[in-house]
PDB file of all heavy atoms in Angstrom:
ATOM      1  N   ILE A   1      86.943 109.529 113.536  1.00  0.00           N
ATOM      2  CA  ILE A   1      87.650 108.256 113.422  1.00  0.00           C
ATOM      3  C   ILE A   1      89.076 108.595 113.035  1.00  0.00           C
ATOM      4  O   ILE A   1      89.306 109.272 112.043  1.00  0.00           O
ATOM      5  CB  ILE A   1      87.027 107.348 112.345  1.00  0.00           C
ATOM      6  CG1 ILE A   1      85.621 106.940 112.731  1.00  0.00           C
ATOM      7  CG2 ILE A   1      87.896 106.129 112.105  1.00  0.00           C
ATOM      8  CD1 ILE A   1      84.913 106.085 111.703  1.00  0.00           C
ATOM      9  N   GLY A   2      90.019 108.130 113.818  1.00  0.00           N
ATOM     10  CA  GLY A   2      91.414 108.469 113.567  1.00  0.00           C
ATOM     11  C   GLY A   2      92.134 107.443 112.716  1.00  0.00           C
ATOM     12  O   GLY A   2      93.263 107.083 113.009  1.00  0.00           O
ATOM     13  N   SER A   3      91.488 106.980 111.665  1.00  0.00           N
ATOM     14  CA  SER A   3      92.106 105.973 110.806  1.00  0.00           C
ATOM     15  C   SER A   3      93.415 106.492 110.235  1.00  0.00           C
ATOM     16  O   SER A   3      93.509 107.632 109.806  1.00  0.00           O
ATOM     17  CB  SER A   3      91.180 105.605 109.653  1.00  0.00           C
ATOM     18  OG  SER A   3      89.997 105.040 110.139  1.00  0.00           O
ATOM     19  N   HIS A   4      94.416 105.647 110.255  1.00  0.00           N
ATOM     20  CA  HIS A   4      95.714 105.992 109.689  1.00  0.00           C
ATOM     21  C   HIS A   4      95.731 105.540 108.231  1.00  0.00           C
ATOM     22  O   HIS A   4      95.289 104.436 107.915  1.00  0.00           O
ATOM     23  CB  HIS A   4      96.831 105.308 110.478  1.00  0.00           C
ATOM     24  CG  HIS A   4      98.178 105.845 110.168  1.00  0.00           C
ATOM     25  ND1 HIS A   4      98.882 105.455 109.061  1.00  0.00           N
ATOM     26  CD2 HIS A   4      98.942 106.761 110.821  1.00  0.00           C
ATOM     27  CE1 HIS A   4     100.036 106.093 109.045  1.00  0.00           C
ATOM     28  NE2 HIS A   4     100.099 106.896 110.094  1.00  0.00           N
ATOM     29  N   PRO A   5      96.221 106.387 107.330  1.00  0.00           N
ATOM     30  CA  PRO A   5      96.174 106.034 105.897  1.00  0.00           C
ATOM     31  C   PRO A   5      96.991 104.799 105.531  1.00  0.00           C
ATOM     32  O   PRO A   5      96.740 104.193 104.493  1.00  0.00           O
ATOM     33  CB  PRO A   5      96.724 107.285 105.198  1.00  0.00           C
ATOM     34  CG  PRO A   5      97.424 108.059 106.250  1.00  0.00           C
ATOM     35  CD  PRO A   5      96.791 107.695 107.557  1.00  0.00           C
ATOM     36  N   GLU A   6      97.931 104.405 106.386  1.00  0.00           N
ATOM     37  CA  GLU A   6      98.741 103.226 106.076  1.00  0.00           C
ATOM     38  C   GLU A   6      98.113 101.924 106.559  1.00  0.00           C
ATOM     39  O   GLU A   6      98.601 100.851 106.241  1.00  0.00           O
ATOM     40  CB  GLU A   6     100.141 103.383 106.672  1.00  0.00           C
ATOM     41  CG  GLU A   6     100.941 104.482 106.011  1.00  0.00           C
ATOM     42  CD  GLU A   6     102.312 104.644 106.639  1.00  0.00           C
ATOM     43  OE1 GLU A   6     102.729 103.779 107.424  1.00  0.00           O
ATOM     44  OE2 GLU A   6     102.958 105.665 106.342  1.00  0.00           O
ATOM     45  N   ASP A   7      97.037 102.005 107.354  1.00  0.00           N
ATOM     46  CA  ASP A   7      96.351 100.789 107.785  1.00  0.00           C
ATOM     47  C   ASP A   7      95.464 100.272 106.664  1.00  0.00           C
ATOM     48  O   ASP A   7      94.794 101.037 105.974  1.00  0.00           O
ATOM     49  CB  ASP A   7      95.494 101.051 109.025  1.00  0.00           C
ATOM     50  CG  ASP A   7      96.271 100.896 110.312  1.00  0.00           C
ATOM     51  OD1 ASP A   7      97.341 100.266 110.293  1.00  0.00           O
ATOM     52  OD2 ASP A   7      95.803 101.407 111.341  1.00  0.00           O
ATOM     53  N   ASP A   8      95.453  98.974 106.497  1.00  0.00           N
ATOM     54  CA  ASP A   8      94.644  98.345 105.457  1.00  0.00           C
ATOM     55  C   ASP A   8      93.189  98.286 105.913  1.00  0.00           C
ATOM     56  O   ASP A   8      92.872  97.613 106.903  1.00  0.00           O
ATOM     57  CB  ASP A   8      95.160  96.925 105.198  1.00  0.00           C
ATOM     58  CG  ASP A   8      94.457  96.228 104.057  1.00  0.00           C
ATOM     59  OD1 ASP A   8      93.419  96.734 103.573  1.00  0.00           O
ATOM     60  OD2 ASP A   8      94.945  95.162 103.643  1.00  0.00           O
ATOM     61  N   PRO A   9      92.272  98.994 105.235  1.00  0.00           N
ATOM     62  CA  PRO A   9      90.866  98.994 105.665  1.00  0.00           C
ATOM     63  C   PRO A   9      90.228  97.611 105.615  1.00  0.00           C
ATOM     64  O   PRO A   9      89.252  97.348 106.291  1.00  0.00           O
ATOM     65  CB  PRO A   9      90.182  99.960 104.696  1.00  0.00           C
ATOM     66  CG  PRO A   9      91.104 100.094 103.544  1.00  0.00           C
ATOM     67  CD  PRO A   9      92.490  99.790 104.044  1.00  0.00           C
ATOM     68  N   MET A  10      90.795  96.702 104.836  1.00  0.00           N
ATOM     69  CA  MET A  10      90.243  95.353 104.756  1.00  0.00           C
ATOM     70  C   MET A  10      90.578  94.537 106.012  1.00  0.00           C
ATOM     71  O   MET A  10      90.004  93.492 106.245  1.00  0.00           O
ATOM     72  CB  MET A  10      90.778  94.626 103.517  1.00  0.00           C
ATOM     73  CG  MET A  10      90.382  95.288 102.217  1.00  0.00           C
ATOM     74  SD  MET A  10      88.589  95.553 102.056  1.00  0.00           S
ATOM     75  CE  MET A  10      88.030  93.882 101.905  1.00  0.00           C
ATOM     76  N   LEU A  11      91.513  95.024 106.827  1.00  0.00           N
ATOM     77  CA  LEU A  11      91.876  94.323 108.061  1.00  0.00           C
ATOM     78  C   LEU A  11      91.185  94.912 109.279  1.00  0.00           C
ATOM     79  O   LEU A  11      91.390  94.460 110.391  1.00  0.00           O
ATOM     80  CB  LEU A  11      93.393  94.364 108.257  1.00  0.00           C
ATOM     81  CG  LEU A  11      94.219  93.694 107.166  1.00  0.00           C
ATOM     82  CD1 LEU A  11      95.705  93.862 107.443  1.00  0.00           C
ATOM     83  CD2 LEU A  11      93.864  92.225 107.042  1.00  0.00           C
ATOM     84  N   THR A  12      90.376  95.939 109.073  1.00  0.00           N
ATOM     85  CA  THR A  12      89.638  96.576 110.159  1.00  0.00           C
ATOM     86  C   THR A  12      88.196  96.123 110.097  1.00  0.00           C
ATOM     87  O   THR A  12      87.535  96.248 109.077  1.00  0.00           O
ATOM     88  CB  THR A  12      89.716  98.109 110.035  1.00  0.00           C
ATOM     89  OG1 THR A  12      91.091  98.497 110.109  1.00  0.00           O
ATOM     90  CG2 THR A  12      88.947  98.791 111.141  1.00  0.00           C
ATOM     91  N   PHE A  13      87.710  95.596 111.190  1.00  0.00           N
ATOM     92  CA  PHE A  13      86.339  95.095 111.233  1.00  0.00           C
ATOM     93  C   PHE A  13      85.578  95.836 112.318  1.00  0.00           C
ATOM     94  O   PHE A  13      85.382  95.316 113.416  1.00  0.00           O
ATOM     95  CB  PHE A  13      86.332  93.591 111.506  1.00  0.00           C
ATOM     96  CG  PHE A  13      87.116  92.802 110.493  1.00  0.00           C
ATOM     97  CD1 PHE A  13      88.390  92.343 110.782  1.00  0.00           C
ATOM     98  CD2 PHE A  13      86.582  92.537 109.249  1.00  0.00           C
ATOM     99  CE1 PHE A  13      89.118  91.621 109.847  1.00  0.00           C
ATOM    100  CE2 PHE A  13      87.299  91.813 108.301  1.00  0.00           C
ATOM    101  CZ  PHE A  13      88.568  91.356 108.609  1.00  0.00           C
ATOM    102  N   ASN A  14      85.175  97.058 112.009  1.00  0.00           N
ATOM    103  CA  ASN A  14      84.422  97.851 112.978  1.00  0.00           C
ATOM    104  C   ASN A  14      83.044  97.255 113.182  1.00  0.00           C
ATOM    105  O   ASN A  14      82.306  97.047 112.233  1.00  0.00           O
ATOM    106  CB  ASN A  14      84.296  99.304 112.516  1.00  0.00           C
ATOM    107  CG  ASN A  14      85.634  99.987 112.458  1.00  0.00           C
ATOM    108  OD1 ASN A  14      86.486  99.735 113.287  1.00  0.00           O
ATOM    109  ND2 ASN A  14      85.825 100.845 111.480  1.00  0.00           N
ATOM    110  N   HIS A  15      82.710  96.992 114.430  1.00  0.00           N
ATOM    111  CA  HIS A  15      81.397  96.488 114.824  1.00  0.00           C
ATOM    112  C   HIS A  15      81.063  95.152 114.179  1.00  0.00           C
ATOM    113  O   HIS A  15      79.906  94.840 113.972  1.00  0.00           O
ATOM    114  CB  HIS A  15      80.306  97.518 114.531  1.00  0.00           C
ATOM    115  CG  HIS A  15      80.614  98.870 115.069  1.00  0.00           C
ATOM    116  ND1 HIS A  15      80.828  99.100 116.399  1.00  0.00           N
ATOM    117  CD2 HIS A  15      80.783 100.056 114.458  1.00  0.00           C
ATOM    118  CE1 HIS A  15      81.096 100.383 116.584  1.00  0.00           C
ATOM    119  NE2 HIS A  15      81.088 100.980 115.426  1.00  0.00           N
ATOM    120  N   GLY A  16      82.051  94.371 113.861  1.00  0.00           N
ATOM    121  CA  GLY A  16      81.821  93.052 113.295  1.00  0.00           C
ATOM    122  C   GLY A  16      82.057  91.977 114.341  1.00  0.00           C
ATOM    123  O   GLY A  16      82.356  92.246 115.498  1.00  0.00           O
ATOM    124  N   THR A  17      81.931  90.721 113.906  1.00  0.00           N
ATOM    125  CA  THR A  17      82.144  89.597 114.810  1.00  0.00           C
ATOM    126  C   THR A  17      83.552  89.632 115.395  1.00  0.00           C
ATOM    127  O   THR A  17      83.752  89.425 116.580  1.00  0.00           O
ATOM    128  CB  THR A  17      81.918  88.268 114.069  1.00  0.00           C
ATOM    129  OG1 THR A  17      80.614  88.291 113.511  1.00  0.00           O
ATOM    130  CG2 THR A  17      82.048  87.091 114.998  1.00  0.00           C
ATOM    131  N   ASN A  18      84.521  89.897 114.564  1.00  0.00           N
ATOM    132  CA  ASN A  18      85.917  90.000 115.003  1.00  0.00           C
ATOM    133  C   ASN A  18      86.336  91.461 115.001  1.00  0.00           C
ATOM    134  O   ASN A  18      87.268  91.849 114.308  1.00  0.00           O
ATOM    135  CB  ASN A  18      86.832  89.192 114.076  1.00  0.00           C
ATOM    136  CG  ASN A  18      86.526  87.730 114.121  1.00  0.00           C
ATOM    137  OD1 ASN A  18      86.231  87.194 115.177  1.00  0.00           O
ATOM    138  ND2 ASN A  18      86.564  87.068 112.989  1.00  0.00           N
ATOM    139  N   GLU A  19      85.639  92.280 115.781  1.00  0.00           N
ATOM    140  CA  GLU A  19      85.882  93.725 115.766  1.00  0.00           C
ATOM    141  C   GLU A  19      87.346  94.021 116.065  1.00  0.00           C
ATOM    142  O   GLU A  19      87.930  93.501 117.011  1.00  0.00           O
ATOM    143  CB  GLU A  19      84.993  94.420 116.788  1.00  0.00           C
ATOM    144  CG  GLU A  19      85.082  95.911 116.726  1.00  0.00           C
ATOM    145  CD  GLU A  19      83.977  96.591 117.506  1.00  0.00           C
ATOM    146  OE1 GLU A  19      83.270  95.945 118.275  1.00  0.00           O
ATOM    147  OE2 GLU A  19      83.836  97.804 117.318  1.00  0.00           O
ATOM    148  N   SER A  20      87.949  94.861 115.233  1.00  0.00           N
ATOM    149  CA  SER A  20      89.355  95.215 115.411  1.00  0.00           C
ATOM    150  C   SER A  20      89.638  96.538 114.726  1.00  0.00           C
ATOM    151  O   SER A  20      88.820  97.055 113.966  1.00  0.00           O
ATOM    152  CB  SER A  20      90.258  94.131 114.819  1.00  0.00           C
ATOM    153  OG  SER A  20      90.084  94.071 113.421  1.00  0.00           O
ATOM    154  N   VAL A  21      90.809  97.077 115.035  1.00  0.00           N
ATOM    155  CA  VAL A  21      91.272  98.299 114.392  1.00  0.00           C
ATOM    156  C   VAL A  21      92.788  98.164 114.253  1.00  0.00           C
ATOM    157  O   VAL A  21      93.435  97.506 115.074  1.00  0.00           O
ATOM    158  CB  VAL A  21      90.883  99.550 115.220  1.00  0.00           C
ATOM    159  CG1 VAL A  21      91.552  99.552 116.561  1.00  0.00           C
ATOM    160  CG2 VAL A  21      91.175 100.816 114.460  1.00  0.00           C
ATOM    161  N   GLY A  22      93.331  98.762 113.213  1.00  0.00           N
ATOM    162  CA  GLY A  22      94.772  98.685 112.998  1.00  0.00           C
ATOM    163  C   GLY A  22      95.547  99.397 114.096  1.00  0.00           C
ATOM    164  O   GLY A  22      95.080 100.381 114.669  1.00  0.00           O
ATOM    165  N   ILE A  23      96.749  98.910 114.383  1.00  0.00           N
ATOM    166  CA  ILE A  23      97.593  99.495 115.434  1.00  0.00           C
ATOM    167  C   ILE A  23      97.909 100.956 115.127  1.00  0.00           C
ATOM    168  O   ILE A  23      97.840 101.815 116.011  1.00  0.00           O
ATOM    169  CB  ILE A  23      98.902  98.693 115.595  1.00  0.00           C
ATOM    170  CG1 ILE A  23      98.607  97.275 116.069  1.00  0.00           C
ATOM    171  CG2 ILE A  23      99.868  99.394 116.539  1.00  0.00           C
ATOM    172  CD1 ILE A  23      97.981  97.183 117.431  1.00  0.00           C
ATOM    173  N   LYS A  24      98.247 101.275 113.884  1.00  0.00           N
ATOM    174  CA  LYS A  24      98.568 102.661 113.530  1.00  0.00           C
ATOM    175  C   LYS A  24      97.352 103.566 113.729  1.00  0.00           C
ATOM    176  O   LYS A  24      97.481 104.707 114.169  1.00  0.00           O
ATOM    177  CB  LYS A  24      99.081 102.746 112.098  1.00  0.00           C
ATOM    178  CG  LYS A  24     100.455 102.144 111.936  1.00  0.00           C
ATOM    179  CD  LYS A  24     100.939 102.240 110.507  1.00  0.00           C
ATOM    180  CE  LYS A  24     102.308 101.598 110.377  1.00  0.00           C
ATOM    181  NZ  LYS A  24     102.802 101.627 109.014  1.00  0.00           N
ATOM    182  N   SER A  25      96.167 103.062 113.399  1.00  0.00           N
ATOM    183  CA  SER A  25      94.951 103.849 113.607  1.00  0.00           C
ATOM    184  C   SER A  25      94.680 104.045 115.092  1.00  0.00           C
ATOM    185  O   SER A  25      94.267 105.132 115.515  1.00  0.00           O
ATOM    186  CB  SER A  25      93.753 103.171 112.935  1.00  0.00           C
ATOM    187  OG  SER A  25      93.887 103.200 111.541  1.00  0.00           O
ATOM    188  N   LEU A  26      94.906 103.011 115.898  1.00  0.00           N
ATOM    189  CA  LEU A  26      94.709 103.121 117.344  1.00  0.00           C
ATOM    190  C   LEU A  26      95.655 104.167 117.934  1.00  0.00           C
ATOM    191  O   LEU A  26      95.237 105.028 118.702  1.00  0.00           O
ATOM    192  CB  LEU A  26      94.935 101.766 118.011  1.00  0.00           C
ATOM    193  CG  LEU A  26      94.875 101.767 119.537  1.00  0.00           C
ATOM    194  CD1 LEU A  26      93.487 102.150 120.022  1.00  0.00           C
ATOM    195  CD2 LEU A  26      95.274 100.406 120.074  1.00  0.00           C
ATOM    196  N   LEU A  27      96.917 104.104 117.551  1.00  0.00           N
ATOM    197  CA  LEU A  27      97.897 105.071 118.048  1.00  0.00           C
ATOM    198  C   LEU A  27      97.573 106.484 117.578  1.00  0.00           C
ATOM    199  O   LEU A  27      97.656 107.448 118.355  1.00  0.00           O
ATOM    200  CB  LEU A  27      99.305 104.671 117.619  1.00  0.00           C
ATOM    201  CG  LEU A  27      99.833 103.380 118.239  1.00  0.00           C
ATOM    202  CD1 LEU A  27     101.169 102.997 117.614  1.00  0.00           C
ATOM    203  CD2 LEU A  27      99.948 103.504 119.743  1.00  0.00           C
ATOM    204  N   ASN A  28      97.195 106.627 116.310  1.00  0.00           N
ATOM    205  CA  ASN A  28      96.848 107.943 115.766  1.00  0.00           C
ATOM    206  C   ASN A  28      95.637 108.523 116.500  1.00  0.00           C
ATOM    207  O   ASN A  28      95.649 109.689 116.900  1.00  0.00           O
ATOM    208  CB  ASN A  28      96.570 107.828 114.266  1.00  0.00           C
ATOM    209  CG  ASN A  28      96.403 109.168 113.612  1.00  0.00           C
ATOM    210  OD1 ASN A  28      97.304 109.992 113.632  1.00  0.00           O
ATOM    211  ND2 ASN A  28      95.251 109.392 113.009  1.00  0.00           N
ATOM    212  N   SER A  29      94.612 107.728 116.690  1.00  0.00           N
ATOM    213  CA  SER A  29      93.406 108.195 117.385  1.00  0.00           C
ATOM    214  C   SER A  29      93.725 108.619 118.810  1.00  0.00           C
ATOM    215  O   SER A  29      93.242 109.647 119.289  1.00  0.00           O
ATOM    216  CB  SER A  29      92.350 107.084 117.424  1.00  0.00           C
ATOM    217  OG  SER A  29      91.940 106.751 116.142  1.00  0.00           O
ATOM    218  N   THR A  30      94.549 107.823 119.502  1.00  0.00           N
ATOM    219  CA  THR A  30      94.914 108.127 120.880  1.00  0.00           C
ATOM    220  C   THR A  30      95.667 109.447 120.967  1.00  0.00           C
ATOM    221  O   THR A  30      95.380 110.287 121.828  1.00  0.00           O
ATOM    222  CB  THR A  30      95.754 106.985 121.474  1.00  0.00           C
ATOM    223  OG1 THR A  30      94.997 105.777 121.385  1.00  0.00           O
ATOM    224  CG2 THR A  30      96.118 107.261 122.914  1.00  0.00           C
ATOM    225  N   LYS A  31      96.610 109.652 120.076  1.00  0.00           N
ATOM    226  CA  LYS A  31      97.390 110.902 120.072  1.00  0.00           C
ATOM    227  C   LYS A  31      96.478 112.109 119.835  1.00  0.00           C
ATOM    228  O   LYS A  31      96.605 113.136 120.508  1.00  0.00           O
ATOM    229  CB  LYS A  31      98.462 110.854 118.995  1.00  0.00           C
ATOM    230  CG  LYS A  31      99.599 109.919 119.330  1.00  0.00           C
ATOM    231  CD  LYS A  31     100.577 109.849 118.169  1.00  0.00           C
ATOM    232  CE  LYS A  31     101.665 108.821 118.421  1.00  0.00           C
ATOM    233  NZ  LYS A  31     102.576 108.687 117.271  1.00  0.00           N
ATOM    234  N   VAL A  32      95.569 111.991 118.882  1.00  0.00           N
ATOM    235  CA  VAL A  32      94.678 113.111 118.576  1.00  0.00           C
ATOM    236  C   VAL A  32      93.753 113.396 119.753  1.00  0.00           C
ATOM    237  O   VAL A  32      93.550 114.553 120.133  1.00  0.00           O
ATOM    238  CB  VAL A  32      93.865 112.829 117.289  1.00  0.00           C
ATOM    239  CG1 VAL A  32      92.773 113.854 117.104  1.00  0.00           C
ATOM    240  CG2 VAL A  32      94.786 112.803 116.080  1.00  0.00           C
ATOM    241  N   MET A  33      93.183 112.363 120.360  1.00  0.00           N
ATOM    242  CA  MET A  33      92.265 112.575 121.482  1.00  0.00           C
ATOM    243  C   MET A  33      92.987 113.160 122.694  1.00  0.00           C
ATOM    244  O   MET A  33      92.449 114.036 123.373  1.00  0.00           O
ATOM    245  CB  MET A  33      91.571 111.258 121.861  1.00  0.00           C
ATOM    246  CG  MET A  33      90.624 110.764 120.816  1.00  0.00           C
ATOM    247  SD  MET A  33      89.284 111.954 120.547  1.00  0.00           S
ATOM    248  CE  MET A  33      88.404 111.142 119.252  1.00  0.00           C
ATOM    249  N   LEU A  34      94.210 112.704 122.969  1.00  0.00           N
ATOM    250  CA  LEU A  34      94.978 113.279 124.079  1.00  0.00           C
ATOM    251  C   LEU A  34      95.332 114.742 123.817  1.00  0.00           C
ATOM    252  O   LEU A  34      95.237 115.580 124.717  1.00  0.00           O
ATOM    253  CB  LEU A  34      96.242 112.467 124.332  1.00  0.00           C
ATOM    254  CG  LEU A  34      96.037 111.114 124.995  1.00  0.00           C
ATOM    255  CD1 LEU A  34      97.337 110.323 125.016  1.00  0.00           C
ATOM    256  CD2 LEU A  34      95.477 111.269 126.392  1.00  0.00           C
ATOM    257  N   ALA A  35      95.723 115.055 122.600  1.00  0.00           N
ATOM    258  CA  ALA A  35      96.037 116.442 122.252  1.00  0.00           C
ATOM    259  C   ALA A  35      94.799 117.328 122.375  1.00  0.00           C
ATOM    260  O   ALA A  35      94.877 118.453 122.877  1.00  0.00           O
ATOM    261  CB  ALA A  35      96.617 116.516 120.844  1.00  0.00           C
ATOM    262  N   LEU A  36      93.659 116.820 121.942  1.00  0.00           N
ATOM    263  CA  LEU A  36      92.411 117.575 122.042  1.00  0.00           C
ATOM    264  C   LEU A  36      92.034 117.813 123.505  1.00  0.00           C
ATOM    265  O   LEU A  36      91.697 118.940 123.890  1.00  0.00           O
ATOM    266  CB  LEU A  36      91.293 116.836 121.314  1.00  0.00           C
ATOM    267  CG  LEU A  36      89.919 117.459 121.368  1.00  0.00           C
ATOM    268  CD1 LEU A  36      89.927 118.831 120.704  1.00  0.00           C
ATOM    269  CD2 LEU A  36      88.900 116.554 120.683  1.00  0.00           C
ATOM    270  N   ALA A  37      92.128 116.789 124.323  1.00  0.00           N
ATOM    271  CA  ALA A  37      91.818 116.943 125.753  1.00  0.00           C
ATOM    272  C   ALA A  37      92.767 117.954 126.404  1.00  0.00           C
ATOM    273  O   ALA A  37      92.330 118.806 127.187  1.00  0.00           O
ATOM    274  CB  ALA A  37      91.907 115.589 126.448  1.00  0.00           C
ATOM    275  N   TYR A  38      94.044 117.883 126.078  1.00  0.00           N
ATOM    276  CA  TYR A  38      95.020 118.820 126.627  1.00  0.00           C
ATOM    277  C   TYR A  38      94.674 120.258 126.227  1.00  0.00           C
ATOM    278  O   TYR A  38      94.701 121.161 127.067  1.00  0.00           O
ATOM    279  CB  TYR A  38      96.429 118.449 126.140  1.00  0.00           C
ATOM    280  CG  TYR A  38      97.482 119.375 126.650  1.00  0.00           C
ATOM    281  CD1 TYR A  38      97.984 119.252 127.939  1.00  0.00           C
ATOM    282  CD2 TYR A  38      97.973 120.406 125.849  1.00  0.00           C
ATOM    283  CE1 TYR A  38      98.952 120.116 128.412  1.00  0.00           C
ATOM    284  CE2 TYR A  38      98.938 121.274 126.314  1.00  0.00           C
ATOM    285  CZ  TYR A  38      99.429 121.130 127.602  1.00  0.00           C
ATOM    286  OH  TYR A  38     100.368 121.994 128.070  1.00  0.00           O
ATOM    287  N   GLU A  39      94.342 120.457 124.971  1.00  0.00           N
ATOM    288  CA  GLU A  39      93.987 121.796 124.500  1.00  0.00           C
ATOM    289  C   GLU A  39      92.742 122.334 125.182  1.00  0.00           C
ATOM    290  O   GLU A  39      92.644 123.528 125.490  1.00  0.00           O
ATOM    291  CB  GLU A  39      93.783 121.796 122.984  1.00  0.00           C
ATOM    292  CG  GLU A  39      95.057 121.685 122.191  1.00  0.00           C
ATOM    293  CD  GLU A  39      95.965 122.901 122.364  1.00  0.00           C
ATOM    294  OE1 GLU A  39      95.454 124.034 122.389  1.00  0.00           O
ATOM    295  OE2 GLU A  39      97.183 122.695 122.506  1.00  0.00           O
ATOM    296  N   MET A  40      91.781 121.464 125.430  1.00  0.00           N
ATOM    297  CA  MET A  40      90.534 121.896 126.058  1.00  0.00           C
ATOM    298  C   MET A  40      90.715 122.212 127.537  1.00  0.00           C
ATOM    299  O   MET A  40      89.984 123.022 128.100  1.00  0.00           O
ATOM    300  CB  MET A  40      89.452 120.835 125.863  1.00  0.00           C
ATOM    301  CG  MET A  40      89.022 120.676 124.423  1.00  0.00           C
ATOM    302  SD  MET A  40      87.819 119.388 124.197  1.00  0.00           S
ATOM    303  CE  MET A  40      86.366 120.187 124.866  1.00  0.00           C
TER     304      MET A  40
END
């Protein structure tokens, strides 16, 4: 999970009715996954 430390965990509702993730966490996760795919 690429959670960003600056995202408020109370605003993230993983697998809930209003499922969401913070923008910084989304961007961080995307960068890490792209870097990992590139390395592989």
